[in-house]
């Protein structure tokens, strides 16, 4: 996997959220150039990367009474924010399970949660104004599940995040 400041920021976010366990609400992060943050807040210099190209994630407060995807439609970032990232937990089903799922949203949620082949996963997506993207997915089980990562593992969430930067 090619390394980049965006990839490192996404992995830092994944480690940070993973340290707090599972069953968390969605989380949102502004991504800012570390050098700019240090210039504005010199007291933080010893806590942040000394790499001049690094990106620092800054967690944002969210209204957890609304779906993240809905909140993202209302977010606009200032120019000082070069990107953003989000973390959400979801239930994934194998493709063959989709044929038997009900159309009603409430019934769909109940069926997915009760499905014997469901997998609970944590999704991390990070994007920049320059159209870069990095994503990561980790299953809840087994406890030592491998972190899968790449530029487009969660395309829907990546698109929602990109829309906040335009």
N, C-alpha and C. Protein backbone atom coordinates (compact mmCIF):
# COMPACT_ATOMS: atom_id res chain seq x y z
N UNK A 1 0.85 -1.18 0.00
CA UNK A 1 0.00 0.00 0.00
C UNK A 1 0.89 1.24 0.00
N UNK A 2 0.78 2.10 -1.02
CA UNK A 2 1.59 3.33 -1.04
C UNK A 2 1.24 4.22 0.17
N UNK A 3 2.28 4.76 0.77
CA UNK A 3 2.07 5.60 1.94
C UNK A 3 1.85 7.05 1.51
N UNK A 4 1.14 7.79 2.36
CA UNK A 4 0.90 9.21 2.13
C UNK A 4 0.49 9.83 3.45
N UNK A 5 0.56 11.16 3.55
CA UNK A 5 0.07 11.81 4.77
C UNK A 5 -1.41 11.51 5.03
N UNK A 6 -2.22 11.40 3.98
CA UNK A 6 -3.63 11.09 4.17
C UNK A 6 -3.80 9.67 4.72
N UNK A 7 -3.07 8.72 4.17
CA UNK A 7 -3.13 7.35 4.69
C UNK A 7 -2.74 7.32 6.16
N UNK A 8 -1.67 8.01 6.52
CA UNK A 8 -1.23 8.03 7.91
C UNK A 8 -2.29 8.65 8.83
N UNK A 9 -2.95 9.71 8.36
CA UNK A 9 -4.02 10.33 9.16
C UNK A 9 -5.18 9.35 9.33
N UNK A 10 -5.56 8.65 8.26
CA UNK A 10 -6.66 7.68 8.35
C UNK A 10 -6.32 6.56 9.32
N UNK A 11 -5.09 6.07 9.27
CA UNK A 11 -4.68 4.99 10.18
C UNK A 11 -4.61 5.49 11.62
N UNK A 12 -4.17 6.73 11.82
CA UNK A 12 -4.16 7.31 13.16
C UNK A 12 -5.58 7.39 13.72
N UNK A 13 -6.52 7.81 12.90
CA UNK A 13 -7.91 7.90 13.32
C UNK A 13 -8.44 6.51 13.67
N UNK A 14 -8.14 5.52 12.84
CA UNK A 14 -8.61 4.16 13.10
C UNK A 14 -8.07 3.65 14.43
N UNK A 15 -6.79 3.87 14.70
CA UNK A 15 -6.19 3.43 15.97
C UNK A 15 -6.84 4.15 17.16
N UNK A 16 -7.05 5.45 17.00
CA UNK A 16 -7.65 6.26 18.07
C UNK A 16 -9.05 5.75 18.42
N UNK A 17 -9.87 5.54 17.40
CA UNK A 17 -11.24 5.08 17.63
C UNK A 17 -11.23 3.64 18.14
N UNK A 18 -10.39 2.78 17.57
CA UNK A 18 -10.32 1.38 17.99
C UNK A 18 -9.93 1.25 19.46
N UNK A 19 -9.11 2.17 19.96
CA UNK A 19 -8.69 2.12 21.36
C UNK A 19 -9.86 2.29 22.32
N UNK A 20 -10.96 2.85 21.83
CA UNK A 20 -12.14 3.06 22.67
C UNK A 20 -13.18 1.95 22.51
N UNK A 21 -12.84 0.90 21.76
CA UNK A 21 -13.72 -0.25 21.65
C UNK A 21 -14.79 -0.09 20.58
N UNK A 22 -15.78 -0.97 20.64
CA UNK A 22 -16.84 -1.02 19.64
C UNK A 22 -18.12 -0.38 20.15
N UNK A 23 -19.11 -0.37 19.30
CA UNK A 23 -20.44 0.17 19.60
C UNK A 23 -20.38 1.67 19.91
N UNK A 24 -19.68 2.39 19.05
CA UNK A 24 -19.53 3.83 19.19
C UNK A 24 -20.41 4.55 18.17
N UNK A 25 -20.79 5.77 18.48
CA UNK A 25 -21.51 6.57 17.48
C UNK A 25 -20.55 7.01 16.38
N UNK A 26 -21.07 7.50 15.27
CA UNK A 26 -20.21 8.02 14.20
C UNK A 26 -19.30 9.14 14.71
N UNK A 27 -18.14 9.26 14.10
CA UNK A 27 -17.18 10.29 14.48
C UNK A 27 -16.74 11.01 13.21
N UNK A 28 -16.46 12.31 13.35
CA UNK A 28 -16.07 13.14 12.23
C UNK A 28 -14.82 13.93 12.61
N UNK A 29 -13.91 14.05 11.64
CA UNK A 29 -12.64 14.73 11.88
C UNK A 29 -12.35 15.72 10.76
N UNK A 30 -11.91 16.91 11.13
CA UNK A 30 -11.34 17.86 10.17
C UNK A 30 -9.87 17.46 10.01
N UNK A 31 -9.35 17.59 8.80
CA UNK A 31 -7.94 17.30 8.55
C UNK A 31 -7.25 18.60 8.20
N UNK A 32 -6.20 18.93 8.96
CA UNK A 32 -5.47 20.18 8.73
C UNK A 32 -3.98 19.89 8.59
N UNK A 33 -3.28 20.72 7.83
CA UNK A 33 -1.82 20.53 7.73
C UNK A 33 -1.19 20.74 9.11
N UNK A 34 -0.41 19.79 9.53
CA UNK A 34 0.21 19.87 10.86
C UNK A 34 1.06 21.13 10.99
N UNK A 35 1.78 21.49 9.94
CA UNK A 35 2.63 22.69 9.99
C UNK A 35 1.79 23.94 10.26
N UNK A 36 0.60 24.03 9.64
CA UNK A 36 -0.27 25.18 9.88
C UNK A 36 -0.79 25.20 11.31
N UNK A 37 -1.12 24.02 11.83
CA UNK A 37 -1.61 23.93 13.21
C UNK A 37 -0.52 24.35 14.19
N UNK A 38 0.69 23.90 13.96
CA UNK A 38 1.80 24.27 14.84
C UNK A 38 2.07 25.78 14.76
N UNK A 39 1.95 26.35 13.57
CA UNK A 39 2.17 27.80 13.42
C UNK A 39 1.13 28.58 14.22
N UNK A 40 -0.12 28.08 14.25
CA UNK A 40 -1.17 28.77 15.00
C UNK A 40 -1.12 28.45 16.50
N UNK A 41 -0.68 27.23 16.83
CA UNK A 41 -0.65 26.77 18.22
C UNK A 41 0.73 26.16 18.53
N UNK A 42 1.76 26.99 18.71
CA UNK A 42 3.12 26.47 18.92
C UNK A 42 3.25 25.53 20.12
N UNK A 43 2.40 25.68 21.11
CA UNK A 43 2.47 24.82 22.29
C UNK A 43 2.18 23.36 21.97
N UNK A 44 1.57 23.10 20.83
CA UNK A 44 1.24 21.72 20.44
C UNK A 44 2.39 21.02 19.72
N UNK A 45 3.45 21.75 19.41
CA UNK A 45 4.54 21.22 18.57
C UNK A 45 5.11 19.91 19.10
N UNK A 46 5.27 19.77 20.40
CA UNK A 46 5.87 18.54 20.93
C UNK A 46 4.90 17.36 20.92
N UNK A 47 3.63 17.59 20.65
CA UNK A 47 2.63 16.52 20.61
C UNK A 47 2.32 16.06 19.18
N UNK A 48 2.81 16.80 18.19
CA UNK A 48 2.46 16.52 16.80
C UNK A 48 3.68 16.09 16.00
N UNK A 49 3.42 15.54 14.84
CA UNK A 49 4.48 15.07 13.96
C UNK A 49 5.38 16.23 13.54
N UNK A 50 6.66 15.94 13.39
CA UNK A 50 7.59 16.95 12.90
C UNK A 50 7.72 16.90 11.38
N UNK A 51 7.04 15.96 10.74
CA UNK A 51 7.04 15.85 9.28
C UNK A 51 6.26 17.04 8.71
N UNK A 52 6.90 17.88 7.90
CA UNK A 52 6.21 19.08 7.39
C UNK A 52 5.03 18.76 6.47
N UNK A 53 4.95 17.55 5.95
CA UNK A 53 3.84 17.19 5.06
C UNK A 53 2.69 16.49 5.80
N UNK A 54 2.84 16.27 7.09
CA UNK A 54 1.83 15.49 7.82
C UNK A 54 0.51 16.24 7.97
N UNK A 55 -0.52 15.46 8.21
CA UNK A 55 -1.89 15.95 8.40
C UNK A 55 -2.34 15.57 9.80
N UNK A 56 -2.97 16.51 10.49
CA UNK A 56 -3.47 16.25 11.83
C UNK A 56 -5.00 16.20 11.82
N UNK A 57 -5.57 15.11 12.34
CA UNK A 57 -7.03 15.03 12.46
C UNK A 57 -7.50 15.74 13.72
N UNK A 58 -8.59 16.50 13.61
CA UNK A 58 -9.18 17.19 14.76
C UNK A 58 -10.64 16.77 14.83
N UNK A 59 -10.99 16.08 15.93
CA UNK A 59 -12.36 15.56 16.05
C UNK A 59 -13.36 16.69 16.23
N UNK A 60 -14.52 16.50 15.60
CA UNK A 60 -15.60 17.49 15.63
C UNK A 60 -16.76 16.96 16.47
N UNK A 61 -17.49 17.87 17.07
CA UNK A 61 -18.70 17.50 17.81
C UNK A 61 -19.80 17.17 16.81
N UNK A 62 -20.59 16.14 17.10
CA UNK A 62 -21.69 15.75 16.22
C UNK A 62 -22.99 15.67 16.99
N UNK A 63 -24.07 15.91 16.30
CA UNK A 63 -25.42 15.70 16.83
C UNK A 63 -25.75 14.22 16.57
N UNK A 64 -25.71 13.41 17.62
CA UNK A 64 -25.90 11.97 17.45
C UNK A 64 -27.37 11.58 17.35
N UNK A 65 -28.27 12.56 17.30
CA UNK A 65 -29.68 12.27 17.07
C UNK A 65 -29.99 12.15 15.58
N UNK A 66 -29.00 12.43 14.74
CA UNK A 66 -29.19 12.38 13.29
C UNK A 66 -28.16 11.45 12.68
N UNK A 67 -28.51 10.90 11.52
CA UNK A 67 -27.59 10.03 10.79
C UNK A 67 -26.41 10.86 10.27
N UNK A 68 -25.23 10.29 10.29
CA UNK A 68 -24.04 10.99 9.81
C UNK A 68 -24.22 11.46 8.36
N UNK A 69 -24.74 10.59 7.51
CA UNK A 69 -24.90 10.95 6.10
C UNK A 69 -25.80 12.19 5.95
N UNK A 70 -26.80 12.32 6.81
CA UNK A 70 -27.67 13.49 6.78
C UNK A 70 -26.93 14.73 7.26
N UNK A 71 -26.16 14.60 8.32
CA UNK A 71 -25.38 15.74 8.83
C UNK A 71 -24.37 16.24 7.80
N UNK A 72 -23.77 15.32 7.08
CA UNK A 72 -22.74 15.71 6.10
C UNK A 72 -23.29 16.61 5.00
N UNK A 73 -24.59 16.54 4.72
CA UNK A 73 -25.16 17.39 3.68
C UNK A 73 -25.16 18.86 4.09
N UNK A 74 -24.99 19.14 5.38
CA UNK A 74 -25.03 20.52 5.89
C UNK A 74 -23.66 21.08 6.25
N UNK A 75 -22.63 20.30 6.10
CA UNK A 75 -21.30 20.72 6.54
C UNK A 75 -20.53 21.36 5.40
N UNK A 76 -19.92 22.50 5.71
CA UNK A 76 -18.98 23.17 4.82
C UNK A 76 -17.76 23.51 5.65
N UNK A 77 -16.60 23.16 5.15
CA UNK A 77 -15.36 23.38 5.88
C UNK A 77 -14.70 24.69 5.46
N UNK A 78 -14.04 25.38 6.41
CA UNK A 78 -13.27 26.58 6.04
C UNK A 78 -12.05 26.16 5.20
N UNK A 79 -11.45 27.13 4.53
CA UNK A 79 -10.29 26.85 3.67
C UNK A 79 -9.11 26.26 4.43
N UNK A 80 -9.02 26.51 5.73
CA UNK A 80 -7.91 25.97 6.52
C UNK A 80 -7.98 24.45 6.67
N UNK A 81 -9.14 23.88 6.40
CA UNK A 81 -9.32 22.43 6.48
C UNK A 81 -9.06 21.86 5.08
N UNK A 82 -8.05 20.99 4.98
CA UNK A 82 -7.69 20.45 3.66
C UNK A 82 -8.39 19.13 3.36
N UNK A 83 -9.08 18.60 4.35
CA UNK A 83 -9.78 17.34 4.15
C UNK A 83 -10.61 17.00 5.36
N UNK A 84 -11.25 15.85 5.30
CA UNK A 84 -12.05 15.40 6.44
C UNK A 84 -12.09 13.88 6.45
N UNK A 85 -12.49 13.34 7.58
CA UNK A 85 -12.57 11.89 7.73
C UNK A 85 -13.76 11.55 8.62
N UNK A 86 -14.30 10.38 8.40
CA UNK A 86 -15.42 9.91 9.22
C UNK A 86 -15.20 8.45 9.57
N UNK A 87 -15.77 8.07 10.71
CA UNK A 87 -15.73 6.69 11.17
C UNK A 87 -17.16 6.30 11.52
N UNK A 88 -17.61 5.18 10.97
CA UNK A 88 -18.93 4.67 11.29
C UNK A 88 -18.85 3.15 11.44
N UNK A 89 -19.75 2.62 12.24
CA UNK A 89 -19.89 1.17 12.37
C UNK A 89 -21.15 0.75 11.63
N UNK A 90 -21.05 -0.35 10.91
CA UNK A 90 -22.18 -0.83 10.12
C UNK A 90 -22.24 -2.35 10.17
N UNK A 91 -23.37 -2.87 9.76
CA UNK A 91 -23.55 -4.32 9.60
C UNK A 91 -23.45 -4.61 8.11
N UNK A 92 -22.62 -5.57 7.76
CA UNK A 92 -22.49 -5.98 6.36
C UNK A 92 -23.02 -7.40 6.22
N UNK A 93 -23.69 -7.64 5.12
CA UNK A 93 -24.22 -8.97 4.80
C UNK A 93 -23.60 -9.46 3.50
N UNK A 94 -23.52 -10.77 3.34
CA UNK A 94 -23.02 -11.28 2.06
C UNK A 94 -24.01 -10.93 0.94
N UNK A 95 -23.52 -10.79 -0.29
CA UNK A 95 -24.41 -10.39 -1.39
C UNK A 95 -25.64 -11.28 -1.56
N UNK A 96 -25.49 -12.58 -1.33
CA UNK A 96 -26.64 -13.48 -1.51
C UNK A 96 -27.74 -13.24 -0.48
N UNK A 97 -27.44 -12.59 0.62
CA UNK A 97 -28.45 -12.31 1.64
C UNK A 97 -29.38 -11.17 1.23
N UNK A 98 -28.91 -10.32 0.32
CA UNK A 98 -29.69 -9.14 -0.07
C UNK A 98 -31.01 -9.50 -0.75
N UNK A 99 -31.08 -10.64 -1.42
CA UNK A 99 -32.30 -11.03 -2.14
C UNK A 99 -33.48 -11.23 -1.21
N UNK A 100 -33.21 -11.67 0.02
CA UNK A 100 -34.30 -12.00 0.94
C UNK A 100 -34.60 -10.89 1.94
N UNK A 101 -34.00 -9.73 1.78
CA UNK A 101 -34.21 -8.65 2.75
C UNK A 101 -35.50 -7.89 2.45
N UNK A 102 -36.21 -7.47 3.50
CA UNK A 102 -37.44 -6.69 3.30
C UNK A 102 -37.12 -5.28 2.80
N UNK A 103 -38.10 -4.63 2.17
CA UNK A 103 -37.93 -3.28 1.64
C UNK A 103 -38.12 -2.21 2.70
N UNK A 104 -38.97 -2.47 3.70
CA UNK A 104 -39.25 -1.51 4.76
C UNK A 104 -37.96 -1.24 5.55
N UNK A 105 -37.57 0.04 5.73
CA UNK A 105 -36.31 0.35 6.42
C UNK A 105 -36.20 -0.23 7.83
N UNK A 106 -37.26 -0.15 8.61
CA UNK A 106 -37.19 -0.68 9.98
C UNK A 106 -37.06 -2.20 9.97
N UNK A 107 -37.82 -2.85 9.10
CA UNK A 107 -37.74 -4.30 8.99
C UNK A 107 -36.38 -4.73 8.45
N UNK A 108 -35.83 -3.92 7.54
CA UNK A 108 -34.51 -4.20 6.98
C UNK A 108 -33.45 -4.19 8.08
N UNK A 109 -33.48 -3.17 8.94
CA UNK A 109 -32.51 -3.09 10.04
C UNK A 109 -32.62 -4.29 10.96
N UNK A 110 -33.84 -4.67 11.30
CA UNK A 110 -34.05 -5.82 12.18
C UNK A 110 -33.55 -7.11 11.54
N UNK A 111 -33.85 -7.28 10.25
CA UNK A 111 -33.42 -8.49 9.55
C UNK A 111 -31.90 -8.55 9.45
N UNK A 112 -31.26 -7.43 9.13
CA UNK A 112 -29.80 -7.41 9.03
C UNK A 112 -29.15 -7.72 10.37
N UNK A 113 -29.68 -7.14 11.44
CA UNK A 113 -29.12 -7.36 12.78
C UNK A 113 -29.27 -8.81 13.22
N UNK A 114 -30.31 -9.48 12.76
CA UNK A 114 -30.57 -10.86 13.18
C UNK A 114 -29.97 -11.89 12.21
N UNK A 115 -29.47 -11.46 11.08
CA UNK A 115 -28.98 -12.40 10.07
C UNK A 115 -27.77 -13.17 10.60
N UNK A 116 -27.75 -14.49 10.42
CA UNK A 116 -26.63 -15.29 10.96
C UNK A 116 -25.28 -15.02 10.28
N UNK A 117 -25.29 -14.49 9.06
CA UNK A 117 -24.04 -14.23 8.34
C UNK A 117 -23.60 -12.77 8.40
N UNK A 118 -24.21 -11.99 9.28
CA UNK A 118 -23.85 -10.58 9.36
C UNK A 118 -22.43 -10.43 9.92
N UNK A 119 -21.82 -9.32 9.52
CA UNK A 119 -20.51 -8.97 10.07
C UNK A 119 -20.58 -7.51 10.48
N UNK A 120 -20.21 -7.25 11.71
CA UNK A 120 -20.14 -5.87 12.16
C UNK A 120 -18.76 -5.35 11.79
N UNK A 121 -18.73 -4.15 11.20
CA UNK A 121 -17.48 -3.58 10.73
C UNK A 121 -17.39 -2.11 11.13
N UNK A 122 -16.15 -1.65 11.23
CA UNK A 122 -15.87 -0.22 11.42
C UNK A 122 -15.28 0.28 10.12
N UNK A 123 -15.88 1.36 9.59
CA UNK A 123 -15.45 1.95 8.34
C UNK A 123 -14.79 3.29 8.62
N UNK A 124 -13.64 3.51 8.04
CA UNK A 124 -12.94 4.80 8.14
C UNK A 124 -12.75 5.30 6.71
N UNK A 125 -13.14 6.54 6.48
CA UNK A 125 -12.92 7.15 5.15
C UNK A 125 -12.32 8.53 5.37
N UNK A 126 -11.31 8.86 4.57
CA UNK A 126 -10.67 10.16 4.65
C UNK A 126 -10.45 10.68 3.24
N UNK A 127 -10.70 11.98 3.05
CA UNK A 127 -10.55 12.60 1.74
C UNK A 127 -9.88 13.97 1.89
N UNK A 128 -9.30 14.44 0.78
CA UNK A 128 -8.73 15.78 0.76
C UNK A 128 -9.39 16.59 -0.35
N UNK A 129 -9.21 17.90 -0.27
CA UNK A 129 -9.71 18.77 -1.32
C UNK A 129 -9.08 18.42 -2.67
N UNK A 130 -7.88 17.87 -2.65
CA UNK A 130 -7.20 17.47 -3.87
C UNK A 130 -7.70 16.15 -4.43
N UNK A 131 -8.82 15.65 -3.93
CA UNK A 131 -9.49 14.43 -4.41
C UNK A 131 -8.80 13.13 -4.02
N UNK A 132 -7.80 13.19 -3.13
CA UNK A 132 -7.22 11.96 -2.62
C UNK A 132 -8.22 11.32 -1.66
N UNK A 133 -8.16 10.01 -1.55
CA UNK A 133 -9.01 9.30 -0.60
C UNK A 133 -8.26 8.09 -0.05
N UNK A 134 -8.57 7.76 1.19
CA UNK A 134 -8.07 6.52 1.79
C UNK A 134 -9.15 6.00 2.71
N UNK A 135 -9.32 4.68 2.70
CA UNK A 135 -10.34 4.08 3.54
C UNK A 135 -9.79 2.83 4.20
N UNK A 136 -10.44 2.45 5.28
CA UNK A 136 -10.04 1.25 6.03
C UNK A 136 -11.29 0.59 6.58
N UNK A 137 -11.25 -0.72 6.64
CA UNK A 137 -12.37 -1.50 7.16
C UNK A 137 -11.81 -2.56 8.09
N UNK A 138 -12.43 -2.68 9.27
CA UNK A 138 -12.03 -3.72 10.22
C UNK A 138 -13.30 -4.39 10.74
N UNK A 139 -13.31 -5.72 10.72
CA UNK A 139 -14.43 -6.48 11.26
C UNK A 139 -14.31 -6.56 12.78
N UNK A 140 -15.44 -6.61 13.45
CA UNK A 140 -15.47 -6.72 14.91
C UNK A 140 -14.97 -8.09 15.36
N UNK A 141 -15.31 -9.12 14.60
CA UNK A 141 -14.91 -10.48 14.93
C UNK A 141 -14.13 -11.06 13.77
N UNK A 142 -13.07 -11.77 14.01
CA UNK A 142 -12.47 -12.05 15.30
C UNK A 142 -11.79 -10.80 15.88
N UNK A 143 -11.47 -10.87 17.14
CA UNK A 143 -10.91 -9.71 17.84
C UNK A 143 -9.63 -9.20 17.17
N UNK A 144 -8.88 -10.08 16.52
CA UNK A 144 -7.64 -9.68 15.86
C UNK A 144 -7.82 -9.56 14.35
N UNK A 145 -9.02 -9.18 13.92
CA UNK A 145 -9.31 -9.06 12.49
C UNK A 145 -8.33 -8.11 11.82
N UNK A 146 -7.93 -8.48 10.63
CA UNK A 146 -7.00 -7.68 9.84
C UNK A 146 -7.67 -6.38 9.39
N UNK A 147 -6.90 -5.31 9.37
CA UNK A 147 -7.38 -4.04 8.84
C UNK A 147 -7.19 -4.06 7.34
N UNK A 148 -8.29 -3.92 6.61
CA UNK A 148 -8.23 -3.82 5.16
C UNK A 148 -8.18 -2.34 4.80
N UNK A 149 -7.36 -1.97 3.84
CA UNK A 149 -7.28 -0.55 3.50
C UNK A 149 -7.03 -0.36 2.01
N UNK A 150 -7.47 0.78 1.53
CA UNK A 150 -7.29 1.12 0.13
C UNK A 150 -7.96 2.45 -0.16
N UNK A 151 -7.84 2.94 -1.39
CA UNK A 151 -8.38 4.26 -1.71
C UNK A 151 -9.90 4.31 -1.83
N UNK A 152 -10.56 3.17 -2.04
CA UNK A 152 -11.99 3.24 -2.33
C UNK A 152 -12.81 2.08 -1.76
N UNK A 153 -12.51 1.66 -0.56
CA UNK A 153 -13.24 0.54 0.04
C UNK A 153 -14.66 0.93 0.47
N UNK A 154 -14.88 2.20 0.73
CA UNK A 154 -16.21 2.67 1.15
C UNK A 154 -16.62 3.86 0.27
N UNK A 155 -16.92 3.60 -1.00
CA UNK A 155 -17.14 4.68 -1.96
C UNK A 155 -18.29 5.62 -1.59
N UNK A 156 -19.36 5.11 -1.00
CA UNK A 156 -20.48 5.98 -0.64
C UNK A 156 -20.09 7.01 0.40
N UNK A 157 -19.40 6.56 1.44
CA UNK A 157 -18.96 7.48 2.49
C UNK A 157 -17.93 8.46 1.95
N UNK A 158 -17.05 8.00 1.09
CA UNK A 158 -16.06 8.89 0.48
C UNK A 158 -16.77 10.00 -0.31
N UNK A 159 -17.80 9.66 -1.06
CA UNK A 159 -18.54 10.68 -1.83
C UNK A 159 -19.22 11.68 -0.91
N UNK A 160 -19.83 11.20 0.18
CA UNK A 160 -20.46 12.11 1.14
C UNK A 160 -19.43 13.09 1.71
N UNK A 161 -18.25 12.59 2.04
CA UNK A 161 -17.21 13.46 2.59
C UNK A 161 -16.71 14.45 1.54
N UNK A 162 -16.52 13.99 0.32
CA UNK A 162 -16.07 14.90 -0.74
C UNK A 162 -17.05 16.04 -0.96
N UNK A 163 -18.33 15.74 -0.84
CA UNK A 163 -19.34 16.78 -1.04
C UNK A 163 -19.22 17.90 -0.01
N UNK A 164 -18.66 17.62 1.18
CA UNK A 164 -18.52 18.66 2.20
C UNK A 164 -17.36 19.62 1.87
N UNK A 165 -16.51 19.23 0.94
CA UNK A 165 -15.33 20.02 0.62
C UNK A 165 -15.50 20.87 -0.62
N UNK A 166 -16.65 20.83 -1.25
CA UNK A 166 -16.85 21.60 -2.49
C UNK A 166 -17.53 22.93 -2.21
